[in-house]
Each structure stands twice: as C-alpha cells, then as structure tokens.
Protein backbone atom coordinates (compact mmCIF):
# COMPACT_ATOMS: atom_id res chain seq x y z
CA MET A 1 44.44 -160.68 -247.57
CA VAL A 2 40.71 -161.81 -247.15
CA ALA A 3 41.01 -161.50 -243.41
CA TYR A 4 41.14 -157.85 -243.69
CA ASP A 5 38.73 -157.10 -246.70
CA PRO A 6 35.24 -156.71 -245.88
CA ALA A 7 34.22 -157.40 -249.53
CA GLY A 8 35.55 -160.95 -249.11
CA TRP A 9 33.08 -161.79 -246.31
CA HIS A 10 29.95 -160.94 -248.28
CA ASP A 11 28.45 -164.55 -248.41
CA PHE A 12 29.41 -165.38 -244.99
CA CYS A 13 27.85 -162.13 -243.59
CA MET A 14 24.83 -162.53 -245.66
CA SER A 15 24.35 -166.05 -244.26
CA VAL A 16 24.98 -164.77 -240.65
CA ALA A 17 22.70 -161.89 -241.04
CA GLY A 18 19.93 -163.90 -242.32
CA ALA A 19 20.19 -166.71 -239.66
CA SER A 20 20.73 -164.31 -236.66
CA GLY A 21 17.89 -162.09 -237.91
CA ALA A 22 15.41 -165.10 -238.00
CA LEU A 23 16.70 -166.39 -234.60
CA LEU A 24 16.44 -162.92 -233.13
CA GLY A 25 12.76 -162.65 -234.26
CA LEU A 26 11.85 -166.01 -233.04
CA ALA A 27 13.46 -165.39 -229.57
CA PHE A 28 11.82 -162.12 -229.24
CA VAL A 29 8.36 -163.65 -229.96
CA ALA A 30 8.99 -166.71 -227.67
CA ILE A 31 10.28 -164.36 -224.84
CA SER A 32 7.29 -162.08 -225.29
CA PHE A 33 4.76 -165.04 -225.17
CA ASN A 34 6.48 -166.36 -221.94
CA LEU A 35 7.26 -162.97 -220.38
CA ASP A 36 5.30 -163.63 -217.13
CA ALA A 37 6.98 -166.88 -216.56
CA ILE A 38 10.39 -165.29 -217.23
CA LEU A 39 9.65 -162.41 -214.89
CA GLU A 40 8.64 -164.67 -211.99
CA SER A 41 12.32 -166.05 -211.94
CA GLU A 42 15.07 -163.96 -210.73
CA GLN A 43 17.68 -165.60 -213.09
CA LEU A 44 15.67 -165.77 -216.23
CA PRO A 45 15.32 -162.06 -217.29
CA GLY A 46 19.12 -161.93 -217.50
CA ARG A 47 19.26 -165.02 -219.46
CA ALA A 48 16.48 -163.62 -221.88
CA ILE A 49 18.41 -160.45 -222.41
CA GLY A 50 21.54 -162.43 -223.04
CA THR A 51 19.80 -164.51 -225.64
CA LEU A 52 18.64 -161.46 -227.55
CA VAL A 53 22.01 -160.12 -227.52
CA PHE A 54 23.69 -163.09 -228.61
CA PHE A 55 21.42 -163.08 -231.70
CA ALA A 56 21.63 -159.42 -232.14
CA TYR A 57 25.45 -159.07 -232.06
CA PRO A 58 25.99 -161.29 -235.26
CA LEU A 59 23.13 -159.45 -237.07
CA GLY A 60 24.62 -156.06 -236.31
CA GLY A 61 28.16 -157.13 -236.93
CA SER A 62 27.69 -158.80 -240.15
CA LEU A 63 25.46 -155.90 -241.50
CA LEU A 64 28.21 -153.51 -240.39
CA ILE A 65 30.78 -155.64 -242.44
CA GLU A 66 28.33 -155.46 -245.47
CA LEU A 67 28.35 -151.64 -245.76
CA PRO A 68 29.60 -150.83 -249.11
CA GLY A 69 32.85 -148.93 -249.12
CA ILE A 70 33.30 -148.93 -245.24
CA SER A 71 36.71 -147.96 -244.33
CA ARG A 72 38.75 -150.24 -242.10
CA THR A 73 38.76 -147.63 -239.29
CA ALA A 74 35.03 -147.08 -239.51
CA LEU A 75 34.52 -150.91 -239.47
CA GLY A 76 36.82 -151.22 -236.44
CA ILE A 77 34.91 -148.41 -234.48
CA GLY A 78 31.67 -149.96 -235.29
CA GLN A 79 32.74 -153.47 -234.19
CA GLY A 80 34.29 -151.79 -231.08
CA LEU A 81 30.93 -150.33 -230.27
CA LEU A 82 29.30 -153.88 -230.66
CA ALA A 83 32.11 -155.40 -228.47
CA ALA A 84 31.55 -152.65 -225.84
CA GLY A 85 27.89 -153.83 -225.67
CA LEU A 86 28.96 -157.41 -225.14
CA ILE A 87 31.33 -156.28 -222.46
CA ALA A 88 28.55 -154.47 -220.75
CA LEU A 89 26.41 -157.51 -220.82
CA ALA A 90 29.25 -159.54 -219.30
CA ALA A 91 29.80 -157.01 -216.63
CA ALA A 92 26.02 -156.88 -215.81
CA ASP A 93 25.96 -160.73 -215.55
CA LEU A 94 29.10 -160.78 -213.33
CA ARG A 95 27.42 -158.34 -210.99
CA ARG A 96 24.24 -160.17 -210.74
CA TRP A 97 25.78 -163.56 -210.35
CA SER A 98 28.41 -162.53 -207.86
CA GLY A 99 25.48 -161.45 -205.51
CA HIS A 100 24.01 -164.91 -205.63
CA ALA A 101 26.45 -167.17 -203.91
CA ASP A 102 23.78 -169.59 -203.13
CA GLU A 103 23.36 -170.49 -207.01
CA PRO A 104 25.43 -173.51 -208.07
CA LEU A 105 28.76 -172.51 -209.50
CA SER A 106 28.09 -174.61 -212.58
CA TRP A 107 24.85 -172.50 -213.20
CA ARG A 108 26.99 -169.21 -212.88
CA LEU A 109 29.86 -170.43 -214.96
CA THR A 110 27.58 -171.66 -217.89
CA HIS A 111 26.00 -168.39 -217.95
CA LEU A 112 29.33 -166.08 -217.62
CA ALA A 113 31.66 -168.13 -219.81
CA PRO A 114 29.86 -167.40 -223.17
CA ASP A 115 29.56 -163.75 -222.32
CA LEU A 116 33.20 -163.35 -221.48
CA LEU A 117 34.30 -165.53 -224.56
CA VAL A 118 32.21 -163.70 -227.04
CA ALA A 119 33.11 -160.28 -225.59
CA THR A 120 36.76 -161.41 -225.78
CA LEU A 121 36.70 -162.57 -229.22
CA ALA A 122 34.85 -159.51 -230.45
CA SER A 123 37.36 -157.18 -228.60
CA VAL A 124 40.42 -158.94 -230.06
CA GLY A 125 38.72 -158.74 -233.55
CA THR A 126 38.15 -155.08 -233.11
CA PHE A 127 41.91 -154.64 -232.50
CA ALA A 128 42.74 -156.98 -235.31
CA VAL A 129 40.51 -155.01 -237.78
CA LEU A 130 41.86 -151.67 -236.65
CA THR A 131 45.52 -152.86 -236.99
CA ALA A 132 44.98 -155.11 -240.00
CA SER A 133 46.90 -157.65 -238.01
CA ILE A 134 46.52 -161.05 -236.12
CA GLY A 135 43.85 -162.56 -238.35
CA GLY A 136 41.45 -159.51 -238.75
CA LEU A 137 37.81 -160.49 -239.31
CA TYR A 138 38.32 -164.02 -238.43
CA TRP A 139 38.07 -163.08 -234.79
CA ILE A 140 34.79 -161.42 -235.34
CA ALA A 141 33.52 -164.54 -237.38
CA GLY A 142 34.43 -166.61 -234.24
CA ALA A 143 32.62 -164.34 -231.90
CA MET A 144 29.54 -164.49 -234.11
CA ALA A 145 29.57 -168.26 -234.31
CA ILE A 146 29.97 -168.63 -230.45
CA ALA A 147 27.33 -165.87 -229.90
CA THR A 148 24.83 -167.70 -232.23
CA THR A 149 25.63 -171.15 -230.58
CA SER A 150 25.24 -169.46 -227.11
CA GLY A 151 22.01 -167.91 -228.06
CA LEU A 152 20.66 -171.34 -229.11
CA VAL A 153 21.78 -172.88 -225.81
CA ASN A 154 20.11 -170.02 -223.80
CA SER A 155 16.92 -170.46 -225.78
CA TRP A 156 16.89 -174.06 -224.78
CA VAL A 157 17.53 -173.33 -221.17
CA LEU A 158 14.92 -170.66 -221.12
CA LEU A 159 12.26 -173.19 -222.45
CA VAL A 160 13.44 -175.78 -219.92
CA GLU A 161 13.34 -173.44 -216.95
CA ILE A 162 10.06 -171.94 -217.81
CA LYS A 163 8.44 -175.40 -217.68
CA ARG A 164 9.94 -176.16 -214.27
C-alpha cells in the first residue's frame, strides 16, 4: 500500500525536493544572467519559463507529499492544482507554437512533448491519489522524474541557443 501512503515516500520526496530546489535556483540565476539574450529570441522566453516550471513542479509536489498528516483528499487537490499549472503551460506552448508554422516540426515537438507528458502523468497521478487506485503516487513520481529530466534538457538548449 506504499503507493497510497505519503509517509512511505519520505526519502524519495526529500531527495527530489533537495535536487529540484537546487536546480531551480541555479536555473533562475542562469536565466537572470542571460535575460537580455533570452528576450532577444522569440522562442527562448517560453523555453526559460518551461525550465523553471519543470524544476518547480517536483519541488512543490514533493513538499506537498511531505506535509505531516495530510489527508489523501487534500494531497489529491494539491497535486491537482500543480497539474493544472502544468496543463496551462502546455496550453500556452501549444498556442505559441501553432502560430509559428515556419519553425521546424522537430523543434515544436521536442518542446511540446515533455509538457504534454508531464501534465498527463501529473493529471493521472492526481486521479490515482484521489481514488487510491491505479498506482497512486507512482504516477506523480514519474511526472517528477520526467519534469526534472526535461528541465535539464531545456537548460542545455537554452545555453546552446543563447550562444548562437
């Protein structure tokens, strides 16, 4: 039953919160130092926001799981609010990229696919937590892992694109 018991996720969430908090801070500083170069590009501000969100989501999600005595309903609602933020990011990216048909399809897909995947996993995880079914917090853990990986990839893309 560890899939549905937040107390069983303590070590995982502490690790994720520490790592994503550090990465979020580093990304924020790096983006701040390169803000002029980022703002000169039409595509990079969205990528920078996505990077920060990809690091902030695992931080917020794991801290929420760590709240002592949190009920399954409160945890599900909190995770749902975080998932709604991820859905909003994906929707904004979809609107932004659908208006740029001149951009290569590969560029748009590599930007949208992680947004949609993390938002989907977080949404399924919210349902799984609220209903104590289909794997519970494992979906949230998957969303956190992919968000962190996507944030790292976005960080690399930002660094490369700034230097072009």
